[in-house]
Amino acid sequence: MIEHVVPYRLKPEAEQSQITDMMNGINSFISINEVVHLSAGPLLRTQSSSFTFTHMLYCRFNSEDDLNAYMVHPTHVSLVNRTVILDDIMVVDWITEDASAPAPGSVSKVVLLKMKDGVAQKDYVLEVIRETCSKFSSIRQFSFGENFSPKRAKGFSMAILMVFDGVESLDSNAEIMDLLNEKLSDFVEDDLVLDYMNGTPQSGSSST
């Protein structure tokens, strides 16, 4: 499976009608055959010293070819070309072996890592992520991997997605981030943490 995460920030002057039109357009992406799962909406929180995002789009695809087909699909291209209320946007894509999408009402914590120049211990970083997330039963599911869309990711090259039952479970497990920061501080230049409430799941025709 391909995880496709798109954090974005709306312009402060965006009118509600423009926001509604854009969100309707984003949700229409589910009609694209290659989209297996789609969820989009406001972020609960953004934690970063460098970036501020307001919303997130989360999609899943069966393959990188399907992701590429989605990117050039007329429905997707049309919305991208007509949307004028985006203030900032980034895209991160990675491969996961987890076939299940987050359940509605759950909360996802997306952690994006920008590695320090010259850091080559990719395998070590990935193993630390695997071991750390596996220790916490409060993480209902997680995926992680190396970003393969570097041109659109503002330098972030590693990604983690952790799913919790709800906000209370998320907030009571702050030690997860403390542990990751402790083990990876020598390798990470910057991180971006996004907390997102998963809405009603939408599944594309390719998953049926």
N, C-alpha and C. Protein backbone atom coordinates (compact mmCIF):
# COMPACT_ATOMS: atom_id res chain seq x y z
N MET A 1 0.84 -1.19 0.00
CA MET A 1 0.00 0.00 0.00
C MET A 1 0.88 1.25 0.00
N ILE A 2 0.35 2.31 -0.59
CA ILE A 2 1.01 3.61 -0.59
C ILE A 2 0.25 4.55 0.33
N GLU A 3 0.96 5.15 1.29
CA GLU A 3 0.39 6.20 2.14
C GLU A 3 0.68 7.54 1.48
N HIS A 4 -0.34 8.37 1.32
CA HIS A 4 -0.23 9.67 0.66
C HIS A 4 -0.79 10.72 1.60
N VAL A 5 0.09 11.53 2.19
CA VAL A 5 -0.30 12.52 3.17
C VAL A 5 -0.01 13.92 2.64
N VAL A 6 -1.02 14.77 2.66
CA VAL A 6 -0.90 16.12 2.12
C VAL A 6 -1.36 17.14 3.17
N PRO A 7 -0.45 17.68 3.98
CA PRO A 7 -0.82 18.78 4.86
C PRO A 7 -0.90 20.08 4.05
N TYR A 8 -1.87 20.93 4.38
CA TYR A 8 -1.95 22.20 3.68
C TYR A 8 -2.51 23.27 4.60
N ARG A 9 -2.21 24.52 4.26
CA ARG A 9 -2.68 25.67 5.05
C ARG A 9 -3.54 26.55 4.15
N LEU A 10 -4.70 26.94 4.66
CA LEU A 10 -5.58 27.83 3.92
C LEU A 10 -5.22 29.29 4.21
N LYS A 11 -5.44 30.14 3.22
CA LYS A 11 -5.21 31.56 3.42
C LYS A 11 -6.19 32.10 4.45
N PRO A 12 -5.74 33.01 5.32
CA PRO A 12 -6.64 33.55 6.37
C PRO A 12 -7.88 34.23 5.79
N GLU A 13 -7.75 34.79 4.61
CA GLU A 13 -8.87 35.51 4.02
C GLU A 13 -9.82 34.62 3.23
N ALA A 14 -9.58 33.32 3.23
CA ALA A 14 -10.43 32.40 2.48
C ALA A 14 -11.87 32.49 2.97
N GLU A 15 -12.81 32.59 2.05
CA GLU A 15 -14.22 32.64 2.40
C GLU A 15 -14.77 31.23 2.58
N GLN A 16 -15.81 31.12 3.39
CA GLN A 16 -16.37 29.81 3.68
C GLN A 16 -16.85 29.12 2.41
N SER A 17 -17.40 29.87 1.49
CA SER A 17 -17.87 29.27 0.23
C SER A 17 -16.71 28.67 -0.55
N GLN A 18 -15.56 29.33 -0.51
CA GLN A 18 -14.38 28.80 -1.20
C GLN A 18 -13.87 27.54 -0.52
N ILE A 19 -13.89 27.54 0.81
CA ILE A 19 -13.44 26.37 1.56
C ILE A 19 -14.36 25.18 1.28
N THR A 20 -15.66 25.44 1.30
CA THR A 20 -16.63 24.37 1.02
C THR A 20 -16.44 23.81 -0.37
N ASP A 21 -16.24 24.68 -1.36
CA ASP A 21 -16.03 24.23 -2.73
C ASP A 21 -14.77 23.37 -2.84
N MET A 22 -13.70 23.79 -2.16
CA MET A 22 -12.46 23.03 -2.21
C MET A 22 -12.62 21.67 -1.53
N MET A 23 -13.26 21.64 -0.36
CA MET A 23 -13.44 20.37 0.35
C MET A 23 -14.34 19.41 -0.43
N ASN A 24 -15.37 19.95 -1.07
CA ASN A 24 -16.22 19.11 -1.92
C ASN A 24 -15.40 18.53 -3.07
N GLY A 25 -14.51 19.35 -3.62
CA GLY A 25 -13.66 18.88 -4.70
C GLY A 25 -12.70 17.79 -4.24
N ILE A 26 -12.12 17.98 -3.05
CA ILE A 26 -11.21 16.97 -2.50
C ILE A 26 -11.96 15.65 -2.27
N ASN A 27 -13.14 15.74 -1.68
CA ASN A 27 -13.90 14.52 -1.42
C ASN A 27 -14.34 13.82 -2.71
N SER A 28 -14.43 14.58 -3.80
CA SER A 28 -14.80 13.96 -5.07
C SER A 28 -13.68 13.09 -5.63
N PHE A 29 -12.48 13.21 -5.07
CA PHE A 29 -11.37 12.37 -5.52
C PHE A 29 -11.66 10.88 -5.30
N ILE A 30 -12.60 10.58 -4.40
CA ILE A 30 -12.92 9.19 -4.14
C ILE A 30 -13.52 8.51 -5.36
N SER A 31 -13.99 9.31 -6.32
CA SER A 31 -14.54 8.74 -7.55
C SER A 31 -13.45 8.24 -8.49
N ILE A 32 -12.21 8.60 -8.21
CA ILE A 32 -11.09 8.14 -9.02
C ILE A 32 -10.81 6.68 -8.67
N ASN A 33 -10.81 5.82 -9.67
CA ASN A 33 -10.72 4.38 -9.43
C ASN A 33 -9.51 3.97 -8.59
N GLU A 34 -8.40 4.66 -8.76
CA GLU A 34 -7.17 4.25 -8.10
C GLU A 34 -7.15 4.56 -6.60
N VAL A 35 -8.06 5.40 -6.13
CA VAL A 35 -8.08 5.78 -4.71
C VAL A 35 -8.74 4.67 -3.90
N VAL A 36 -8.01 4.09 -2.97
CA VAL A 36 -8.52 3.01 -2.13
C VAL A 36 -9.21 3.57 -0.88
N HIS A 37 -8.64 4.63 -0.31
CA HIS A 37 -9.20 5.25 0.90
C HIS A 37 -8.88 6.73 0.86
N LEU A 38 -9.84 7.54 1.37
CA LEU A 38 -9.64 8.99 1.39
C LEU A 38 -10.29 9.57 2.63
N SER A 39 -9.58 10.47 3.28
CA SER A 39 -10.12 11.23 4.40
C SER A 39 -9.48 12.61 4.36
N ALA A 40 -10.28 13.64 4.62
CA ALA A 40 -9.75 15.00 4.56
C ALA A 40 -10.49 15.89 5.55
N GLY A 41 -9.77 16.84 6.13
CA GLY A 41 -10.41 17.76 7.06
C GLY A 41 -9.41 18.57 7.86
N PRO A 42 -9.91 19.34 8.82
CA PRO A 42 -9.02 20.18 9.65
C PRO A 42 -8.13 19.36 10.55
N LEU A 43 -6.96 19.87 10.83
CA LEU A 43 -6.06 19.25 11.79
C LEU A 43 -6.48 19.61 13.21
N LEU A 44 -6.26 18.68 14.14
CA LEU A 44 -6.47 18.99 15.54
C LEU A 44 -5.35 19.88 16.07
N ARG A 45 -4.12 19.55 15.67
CA ARG A 45 -2.94 20.29 16.13
C ARG A 45 -1.82 20.16 15.11
N THR A 46 -0.98 21.17 15.08
CA THR A 46 0.27 21.11 14.32
C THR A 46 1.39 21.49 15.26
N GLN A 47 2.44 20.67 15.33
CA GLN A 47 3.60 20.98 16.17
C GLN A 47 4.83 21.06 15.27
N SER A 48 5.34 22.27 15.14
CA SER A 48 6.52 22.49 14.29
C SER A 48 7.11 23.85 14.60
N SER A 49 8.41 23.95 14.46
CA SER A 49 9.09 25.24 14.63
C SER A 49 9.14 26.01 13.32
N SER A 50 8.78 25.35 12.22
CA SER A 50 8.97 25.96 10.90
C SER A 50 7.71 26.06 10.06
N PHE A 51 6.69 25.23 10.34
CA PHE A 51 5.52 25.18 9.47
C PHE A 51 4.24 25.22 10.29
N THR A 52 3.21 25.80 9.69
CA THR A 52 1.88 25.79 10.27
C THR A 52 0.89 25.36 9.21
N PHE A 53 0.22 24.24 9.45
CA PHE A 53 -0.79 23.76 8.52
C PHE A 53 -2.14 23.71 9.23
N THR A 54 -3.21 23.81 8.45
CA THR A 54 -4.55 23.85 9.02
C THR A 54 -5.36 22.60 8.70
N HIS A 55 -5.05 21.91 7.61
CA HIS A 55 -5.84 20.78 7.14
C HIS A 55 -4.91 19.66 6.65
N MET A 56 -5.51 18.49 6.42
CA MET A 56 -4.74 17.38 5.87
C MET A 56 -5.62 16.51 4.99
N LEU A 57 -5.05 16.04 3.90
CA LEU A 57 -5.66 15.02 3.05
C LEU A 57 -4.85 13.75 3.22
N TYR A 58 -5.57 12.64 3.43
CA TYR A 58 -4.91 11.35 3.60
C TYR A 58 -5.54 10.36 2.63
N CYS A 59 -4.73 9.78 1.76
CA CYS A 59 -5.21 8.80 0.79
C CYS A 59 -4.35 7.55 0.84
N ARG A 60 -4.92 6.45 0.35
CA ARG A 60 -4.16 5.20 0.22
C ARG A 60 -4.36 4.67 -1.19
N PHE A 61 -3.29 4.04 -1.70
CA PHE A 61 -3.29 3.48 -3.05
C PHE A 61 -2.66 2.09 -3.00
N ASN A 62 -3.03 1.27 -3.97
CA ASN A 62 -2.48 -0.08 -4.02
C ASN A 62 -1.06 -0.13 -4.56
N SER A 63 -0.63 0.91 -5.26
CA SER A 63 0.70 0.89 -5.87
C SER A 63 1.12 2.32 -6.22
N GLU A 64 2.40 2.48 -6.48
CA GLU A 64 2.92 3.77 -6.90
C GLU A 64 2.36 4.15 -8.27
N ASP A 65 2.12 3.18 -9.13
CA ASP A 65 1.51 3.46 -10.44
C ASP A 65 0.12 4.05 -10.26
N ASP A 66 -0.64 3.52 -9.30
CA ASP A 66 -1.98 4.06 -9.04
C ASP A 66 -1.90 5.49 -8.52
N LEU A 67 -0.94 5.77 -7.66
CA LEU A 67 -0.74 7.13 -7.17
C LEU A 67 -0.43 8.07 -8.33
N ASN A 68 0.44 7.65 -9.23
CA ASN A 68 0.79 8.49 -10.38
C ASN A 68 -0.41 8.73 -11.28
N ALA A 69 -1.25 7.71 -11.44
CA ALA A 69 -2.46 7.88 -12.26
C ALA A 69 -3.42 8.87 -11.61
N TYR A 70 -3.53 8.82 -10.31
CA TYR A 70 -4.36 9.77 -9.57
C TYR A 70 -3.87 11.20 -9.74
N MET A 71 -2.56 11.39 -9.68
CA MET A 71 -2.00 12.73 -9.76
C MET A 71 -2.31 13.43 -11.08
N VAL A 72 -2.45 12.67 -12.17
CA VAL A 72 -2.70 13.26 -13.49
C VAL A 72 -4.16 13.09 -13.91
N HIS A 73 -5.00 12.54 -13.03
CA HIS A 73 -6.41 12.36 -13.37
C HIS A 73 -7.08 13.73 -13.52
N PRO A 74 -7.95 13.90 -14.51
CA PRO A 74 -8.59 15.21 -14.74
C PRO A 74 -9.32 15.77 -13.52
N THR A 75 -9.95 14.92 -12.71
CA THR A 75 -10.65 15.40 -11.52
C THR A 75 -9.67 16.04 -10.54
N HIS A 76 -8.52 15.43 -10.37
CA HIS A 76 -7.49 15.96 -9.47
C HIS A 76 -6.86 17.22 -10.05
N VAL A 77 -6.48 17.17 -11.29
CA VAL A 77 -5.81 18.31 -11.94
C VAL A 77 -6.73 19.53 -11.98
N SER A 78 -8.01 19.32 -12.23
CA SER A 78 -8.96 20.42 -12.31
C SER A 78 -9.05 21.19 -11.00
N LEU A 79 -9.12 20.46 -9.88
CA LEU A 79 -9.21 21.13 -8.58
C LEU A 79 -7.91 21.87 -8.27
N VAL A 80 -6.78 21.23 -8.53
CA VAL A 80 -5.49 21.87 -8.27
C VAL A 80 -5.37 23.18 -9.04
N ASN A 81 -5.82 23.19 -10.28
CA ASN A 81 -5.68 24.36 -11.13
C ASN A 81 -6.61 25.50 -10.74
N ARG A 82 -7.76 25.18 -10.14
CA ARG A 82 -8.72 26.25 -9.84
C ARG A 82 -8.69 26.71 -8.39
N THR A 83 -7.98 26.00 -7.53
CA THR A 83 -7.94 26.36 -6.12
C THR A 83 -6.98 27.53 -5.90
N VAL A 84 -7.49 28.60 -5.28
CA VAL A 84 -6.68 29.80 -5.08
C VAL A 84 -6.54 30.17 -3.60
N ILE A 85 -7.01 29.31 -2.70
CA ILE A 85 -7.00 29.67 -1.28
C ILE A 85 -5.94 28.92 -0.49
N LEU A 86 -5.06 28.21 -1.17
CA LEU A 86 -3.99 27.51 -0.47
C LEU A 86 -2.83 28.46 -0.21
N ASP A 87 -2.37 28.49 1.04
CA ASP A 87 -1.26 29.33 1.43
C ASP A 87 0.05 28.55 1.45
N ASP A 88 -0.04 27.24 1.73
CA ASP A 88 1.14 26.38 1.74
C ASP A 88 0.66 24.94 1.63
N ILE A 89 1.51 24.07 1.09
CA ILE A 89 1.15 22.68 0.91
C ILE A 89 2.42 21.85 0.80
N MET A 90 2.36 20.62 1.25
CA MET A 90 3.46 19.69 1.05
C MET A 90 2.87 18.29 0.86
N VAL A 91 3.69 17.38 0.34
CA VAL A 91 3.24 16.03 0.03
C VAL A 91 4.31 15.05 0.47
N VAL A 92 3.88 14.00 1.17
CA VAL A 92 4.79 12.93 1.57
C VAL A 92 4.15 11.59 1.23
N ASP A 93 4.92 10.71 0.60
CA ASP A 93 4.44 9.39 0.19
C ASP A 93 5.40 8.32 0.69
N TRP A 94 4.85 7.23 1.21
CA TRP A 94 5.71 6.12 1.59
C TRP A 94 4.95 4.80 1.44
N ILE A 95 5.72 3.72 1.45
CA ILE A 95 5.16 2.38 1.27
C ILE A 95 4.92 1.74 2.64
N THR A 96 3.79 1.06 2.77
CA THR A 96 3.49 0.36 4.01
C THR A 96 2.97 -1.04 3.69
N GLU A 97 3.19 -1.96 4.62
CA GLU A 97 2.65 -3.31 4.47
C GLU A 97 1.29 -3.46 5.16
N ASP A 98 0.86 -2.42 5.86
CA ASP A 98 -0.42 -2.45 6.57
C ASP A 98 -1.56 -2.20 5.59
N ALA A 99 -2.44 -3.17 5.44
CA ALA A 99 -3.52 -3.05 4.46
C ALA A 99 -4.76 -2.35 5.01
N SER A 100 -4.81 -2.11 6.31
CA SER A 100 -6.00 -1.52 6.92
C SER A 100 -5.87 -0.02 7.06
N ALA A 101 -7.00 0.66 6.81
CA ALA A 101 -7.04 2.11 6.96
C ALA A 101 -7.55 2.47 8.35
N PRO A 102 -7.24 3.67 8.87
CA PRO A 102 -7.71 4.06 10.21
C PRO A 102 -9.23 4.06 10.31
N ALA A 103 -9.73 3.65 11.47
CA ALA A 103 -11.18 3.58 11.69
C ALA A 103 -11.74 4.97 11.95
N PRO A 104 -13.01 5.21 11.60
CA PRO A 104 -13.62 6.51 11.88
C PRO A 104 -13.67 6.80 13.36
N GLY A 105 -13.38 8.04 13.73
CA GLY A 105 -13.35 8.43 15.13
C GLY A 105 -12.01 8.25 15.78
N SER A 106 -11.12 7.51 15.15
CA SER A 106 -9.76 7.37 15.68
C SER A 106 -8.97 8.64 15.37
N VAL A 107 -7.81 8.75 16.00
CA VAL A 107 -6.95 9.92 15.79
C VAL A 107 -5.59 9.46 15.29
N SER A 108 -5.13 10.07 14.25
CA SER A 108 -3.80 9.76 13.70
C SER A 108 -2.80 10.83 14.10
N LYS A 109 -1.62 10.39 14.48
CA LYS A 109 -0.48 11.30 14.67
C LYS A 109 0.49 11.02 13.53
N VAL A 110 0.69 12.00 12.68
CA VAL A 110 1.63 11.89 11.57
C VAL A 110 2.90 12.64 11.96
N VAL A 111 4.03 11.94 11.93
CA VAL A 111 5.31 12.53 12.30
C VAL A 111 6.21 12.50 11.07
N LEU A 112 6.64 13.68 10.62
CA LEU A 112 7.53 13.79 9.47
C LEU A 112 8.90 14.25 9.97
N LEU A 113 9.95 13.59 9.50
CA LEU A 113 11.31 13.85 9.98
C LEU A 113 12.19 14.36 8.85
N LYS A 114 12.93 15.42 9.16
CA LYS A 114 13.94 15.94 8.24
C LYS A 114 15.31 15.57 8.81
N MET A 115 16.06 14.76 8.08
CA MET A 115 17.32 14.26 8.60
C MET A 115 18.43 15.30 8.45
N LYS A 116 19.40 15.25 9.35
CA LYS A 116 20.55 16.15 9.28
C LYS A 116 21.40 15.83 8.04
N ASP A 117 22.06 16.84 7.51
CA ASP A 117 22.93 16.63 6.36
C ASP A 117 24.00 15.60 6.68
N GLY A 118 24.20 14.67 5.76
CA GLY A 118 25.23 13.66 5.94
C GLY A 118 24.81 12.44 6.71
N VAL A 119 23.57 12.47 7.26
CA VAL A 119 23.10 11.30 8.01
C VAL A 119 22.74 10.19 7.03
N ALA A 120 23.36 9.04 7.19
CA ALA A 120 23.14 7.94 6.26
C ALA A 120 22.57 6.70 6.95
N GLN A 121 22.26 6.81 8.25
CA GLN A 121 21.79 5.65 9.00
C GLN A 121 20.28 5.45 8.82
N LYS A 122 19.85 5.36 7.59
CA LYS A 122 18.42 5.22 7.31
C LYS A 122 17.86 3.96 7.96
N ASP A 123 18.55 2.85 7.82
CA ASP A 123 18.05 1.58 8.35
C ASP A 123 17.93 1.64 9.87
N TYR A 124 18.88 2.31 10.52
CA TYR A 124 18.83 2.43 11.98
C TYR A 124 17.61 3.25 12.39
N VAL A 125 17.38 4.36 11.73
CA VAL A 125 16.25 5.22 12.05
C VAL A 125 14.93 4.46 11.89
N LEU A 126 14.80 3.73 10.80
CA LEU A 126 13.58 2.97 10.57
C LEU A 126 13.38 1.89 11.63
N GLU A 127 14.48 1.26 12.05
CA GLU A 127 14.37 0.22 13.08
C GLU A 127 13.99 0.82 14.43
N VAL A 128 14.51 2.00 14.76
CA VAL A 128 14.12 2.68 16.00
C VAL A 128 12.63 2.98 15.98
N ILE A 129 12.13 3.45 14.85
CA ILE A 129 10.70 3.75 14.73
C ILE A 129 9.88 2.48 14.94
N ARG A 130 10.29 1.40 14.29
CA ARG A 130 9.56 0.13 14.40
C ARG A 130 9.54 -0.35 15.87
N GLU A 131 10.70 -0.38 16.50
CA GLU A 131 10.79 -0.88 17.87
C GLU A 131 10.00 -0.02 18.84
N THR A 132 10.11 1.30 18.68
CA THR A 132 9.43 2.21 19.61
C THR A 132 7.92 2.08 19.49
N CYS A 133 7.39 2.14 18.29
CA CYS A 133 5.94 2.07 18.10
C CYS A 133 5.38 0.71 18.51
N SER A 134 6.17 -0.33 18.35
CA SER A 134 5.70 -1.68 18.69
C SER A 134 5.54 -1.87 20.19
N LYS A 135 6.17 -1.03 21.00
CA LYS A 135 6.14 -1.19 22.45
C LYS A 135 4.85 -0.68 23.08
N PHE A 136 4.10 0.13 22.35
CA PHE A 136 2.94 0.79 22.93
C PHE A 136 1.65 0.16 22.41
N SER A 137 0.92 -0.52 23.31
CA SER A 137 -0.34 -1.14 22.90
C SER A 137 -1.41 -0.10 22.60
N SER A 138 -1.21 1.13 23.06
CA SER A 138 -2.18 2.20 22.78
C SER A 138 -2.16 2.61 21.31
N ILE A 139 -1.08 2.29 20.61
CA ILE A 139 -1.03 2.54 19.16
C ILE A 139 -1.73 1.38 18.48
N ARG A 140 -2.93 1.63 17.98
CA ARG A 140 -3.74 0.56 17.40
C ARG A 140 -3.16 0.04 16.09
N GLN A 141 -2.55 0.91 15.32
CA GLN A 141 -1.84 0.51 14.11
C GLN A 141 -0.86 1.62 13.75
N PHE A 142 0.17 1.27 13.04
CA PHE A 142 1.12 2.28 12.62
C PHE A 142 1.78 1.86 11.32
N SER A 143 2.20 2.85 10.58
CA SER A 143 3.00 2.61 9.39
C SER A 143 4.12 3.64 9.36
N PHE A 144 5.17 3.33 8.65
CA PHE A 144 6.32 4.24 8.58
C PHE A 144 7.13 3.88 7.34
N GLY A 145 7.94 4.82 6.90
CA GLY A 145 8.78 4.54 5.75
C GLY A 145 9.51 5.76 5.26
N GLU A 146 10.29 5.55 4.23
CA GLU A 146 11.06 6.62 3.61
C GLU A 146 10.21 7.28 2.53
N ASN A 147 10.15 8.60 2.58
CA ASN A 147 9.39 9.36 1.59
C ASN A 147 10.00 9.19 0.21
N PHE A 148 9.18 8.88 -0.80
CA PHE A 148 9.70 8.75 -2.16
C PHE A 148 9.24 9.89 -3.07
N SER A 149 8.72 10.98 -2.48
CA SER A 149 8.35 12.17 -3.26
C SER A 149 9.10 13.39 -2.72
N PRO A 150 10.42 13.40 -2.81
CA PRO A 150 11.21 14.45 -2.16
C PRO A 150 10.98 15.86 -2.71
N LYS A 151 10.58 15.99 -3.97
CA LYS A 151 10.43 17.32 -4.57
C LYS A 151 9.31 18.13 -3.91
N ARG A 152 8.37 17.44 -3.31
CA ARG A 152 7.20 18.14 -2.74
C ARG A 152 7.16 18.08 -1.22
N ALA A 153 8.25 17.63 -0.60
CA ALA A 153 8.20 17.34 0.83
C ALA A 153 9.00 18.31 1.69
N LYS A 154 9.52 19.36 1.12
CA LYS A 154 10.23 20.40 1.88
C LYS A 154 11.39 19.84 2.70
N GLY A 155 12.02 18.79 2.21
CA GLY A 155 13.19 18.23 2.88
C GLY A 155 12.90 17.12 3.87
N PHE A 156 11.64 16.80 4.12
CA PHE A 156 11.29 15.72 5.04
C PHE A 156 11.39 14.39 4.32
N SER A 157 12.14 13.47 4.90
CA SER A 157 12.45 12.22 4.19
C SER A 157 11.96 10.97 4.89
N MET A 158 11.46 11.09 6.12
CA MET A 158 10.93 9.94 6.85
C MET A 158 9.54 10.28 7.36
N ALA A 159 8.67 9.26 7.43
CA ALA A 159 7.30 9.50 7.88
C ALA A 159 6.83 8.38 8.79
N ILE A 160 6.01 8.76 9.77
CA ILE A 160 5.37 7.80 10.67
C ILE A 160 3.90 8.18 10.79
N LEU A 161 3.02 7.19 10.79
CA LEU A 161 1.61 7.41 11.05
C LEU A 161 1.19 6.45 12.17
N MET A 162 0.76 7.02 13.29
CA MET A 162 0.32 6.22 14.44
C MET A 162 -1.16 6.49 14.67
N VAL A 163 -1.95 5.44 14.87
CA VAL A 163 -3.40 5.57 15.05
C VAL A 163 -3.78 5.21 16.48
N PHE A 164 -4.54 6.11 17.12
CA PHE A 164 -5.01 5.93 18.48
C PHE A 164 -6.54 5.88 18.50
N ASP A 165 -7.10 5.33 19.58
CA ASP A 165 -8.56 5.21 19.67
C ASP A 165 -9.25 6.56 19.66
N GLY A 166 -8.62 7.56 20.26
CA GLY A 166 -9.22 8.89 20.33
C GLY A 166 -8.24 9.89 20.89
N VAL A 167 -8.71 11.13 21.09
CA VAL A 167 -7.84 12.20 21.56
C VAL A 167 -7.29 11.89 22.95
N GLU A 168 -8.13 11.32 23.83
CA GLU A 168 -7.67 11.02 25.18
C GLU A 168 -6.51 10.03 25.17
N SER A 169 -6.62 9.00 24.34
CA SER A 169 -5.55 8.01 24.24
C SER A 169 -4.29 8.64 23.65
N LEU A 170 -4.48 9.51 22.67
CA LEU A 170 -3.34 10.21 22.06
C LEU A 170 -2.62 11.08 23.10
N ASP A 171 -3.39 11.86 23.84
CA ASP A 171 -2.80 12.81 24.78
C ASP A 171 -2.13 12.11 25.98
N SER A 172 -2.61 10.92 26.32
CA SER A 172 -2.05 10.23 27.48
C SER A 172 -0.79 9.44 27.15
N ASN A 173 -0.36 9.52 25.89
CA ASN A 173 0.82 8.76 25.48
C ASN A 173 1.89 9.67 24.89
N ALA A 174 2.10 10.81 25.54
CA ALA A 174 3.11 11.76 25.08
C ALA A 174 4.51 11.18 25.15
N GLU A 175 4.71 10.16 25.97
CA GLU A 175 6.04 9.57 26.12
C GLU A 175 6.53 8.91 24.83
N ILE A 176 5.61 8.60 23.93
CA ILE A 176 6.03 8.02 22.65
C ILE A 176 6.93 8.99 21.91
N MET A 177 6.49 10.24 21.82
CA MET A 177 7.30 11.24 21.13
C MET A 177 8.58 11.54 21.90
N ASP A 178 8.50 11.53 23.23
CA ASP A 178 9.70 11.76 24.03
C ASP A 178 10.75 10.69 23.74
N LEU A 179 10.30 9.46 23.63
CA LEU A 179 11.22 8.35 23.38
C LEU A 179 11.81 8.43 21.98
N LEU A 180 10.99 8.75 21.00
CA LEU A 180 11.50 8.91 19.64
C LEU A 180 12.51 10.05 19.57
N ASN A 181 12.18 11.16 20.20
CA ASN A 181 13.10 12.31 20.19
C ASN A 181 14.42 11.98 20.86
N GLU A 182 14.35 11.22 21.95
CA GLU A 182 15.57 10.85 22.68
C GLU A 182 16.48 9.98 21.81
N LYS A 183 15.89 9.01 21.11
CA LYS A 183 16.68 8.07 20.34
C LYS A 183 17.15 8.63 19.00
N LEU A 184 16.43 9.61 18.47
CA LEU A 184 16.73 10.09 17.11
C LEU A 184 17.27 11.51 17.06
N SER A 185 17.49 12.13 18.21
CA SER A 185 17.90 13.54 18.23
C SER A 185 19.22 13.79 17.49
N ASP A 186 20.10 12.81 17.48
CA ASP A 186 21.39 12.98 16.80
C ASP A 186 21.26 12.90 15.29
N PHE A 187 20.12 12.47 14.80
CA PHE A 187 19.96 12.24 13.37
C PHE A 187 18.95 13.20 12.72
N VAL A 188 18.11 13.81 13.53
CA VAL A 188 16.99 14.60 12.99
C VAL A 188 17.27 16.10 13.14
N GLU A 189 17.12 16.82 12.04
CA GLU A 189 17.27 18.27 12.05
C GLU A 189 15.97 18.97 12.43
N ASP A 190 14.85 18.45 11.96
CA ASP A 190 13.56 19.09 12.21
C ASP A 190 12.47 18.02 12.14
N ASP A 191 11.36 18.29 12.82
CA ASP A 191 10.22 17.39 12.71
C ASP A 191 8.93 18.19 12.62
N LEU A 192 7.95 17.57 12.03
CA LEU A 192 6.62 18.15 11.89
C LEU A 192 5.63 17.11 12.38
N VAL A 193 4.80 17.48 13.36
CA VAL A 193 3.86 16.54 13.96
C VAL A 193 2.45 17.05 13.72
N LEU A 194 1.61 16.19 13.13
CA LEU A 194 0.24 16.55 12.78
C LEU A 194 -0.72 15.60 13.46
N ASP A 195 -1.67 16.13 14.23
CA ASP A 195 -2.71 15.31 14.85
C ASP A 195 -4.01 15.53 14.08
N TYR A 196 -4.63 14.41 13.69
CA TYR A 196 -5.76 14.48 12.76
C TYR A 196 -6.85 13.49 13.16
N MET A 197 -8.10 13.97 13.22
CA MET A 197 -9.24 13.10 13.52
C MET A 197 -9.71 12.43 12.23
N ASN A 198 -9.74 11.10 12.23
CA ASN A 198 -10.17 10.36 11.06
C ASN A 198 -11.70 10.37 10.96
N GLY A 199 -12.20 10.85 9.83
CA GLY A 199 -13.63 10.93 9.62
C GLY A 199 -14.19 9.63 9.09
N THR A 200 -15.41 9.71 8.60
CA THR A 200 -16.05 8.55 8.00
C THR A 200 -15.21 8.04 6.85
N PRO A 201 -14.79 6.78 6.89
CA PRO A 201 -13.90 6.28 5.83
C PRO A 201 -14.60 6.25 4.48
N GLN A 202 -13.86 6.58 3.44
CA GLN A 202 -14.36 6.49 2.09
C GLN A 202 -13.47 5.53 1.32
N SER A 203 -14.07 4.65 0.58
CA SER A 203 -13.31 3.65 -0.15
C SER A 203 -13.62 3.74 -1.62
N GLY A 204 -12.56 3.65 -2.42
CA GLY A 204 -12.72 3.72 -3.86
C GLY A 204 -13.15 2.39 -4.44
N SER A 205 -13.54 2.43 -5.71
CA SER A 205 -14.04 1.22 -6.35
C SER A 205 -12.98 0.15 -6.50
N SER A 206 -11.71 0.53 -6.46
CA SER A 206 -10.63 -0.45 -6.61
C SER A 206 -10.51 -1.35 -5.39
N SER A 207 -11.14 -0.96 -4.28
CA SER A 207 -11.02 -1.77 -3.06
C SER A 207 -12.20 -2.72 -2.90
N THR A 208 -13.14 -2.69 -3.79
CA THR A 208 -14.31 -3.55 -3.68
C THR A 208 -14.21 -4.73 -4.60
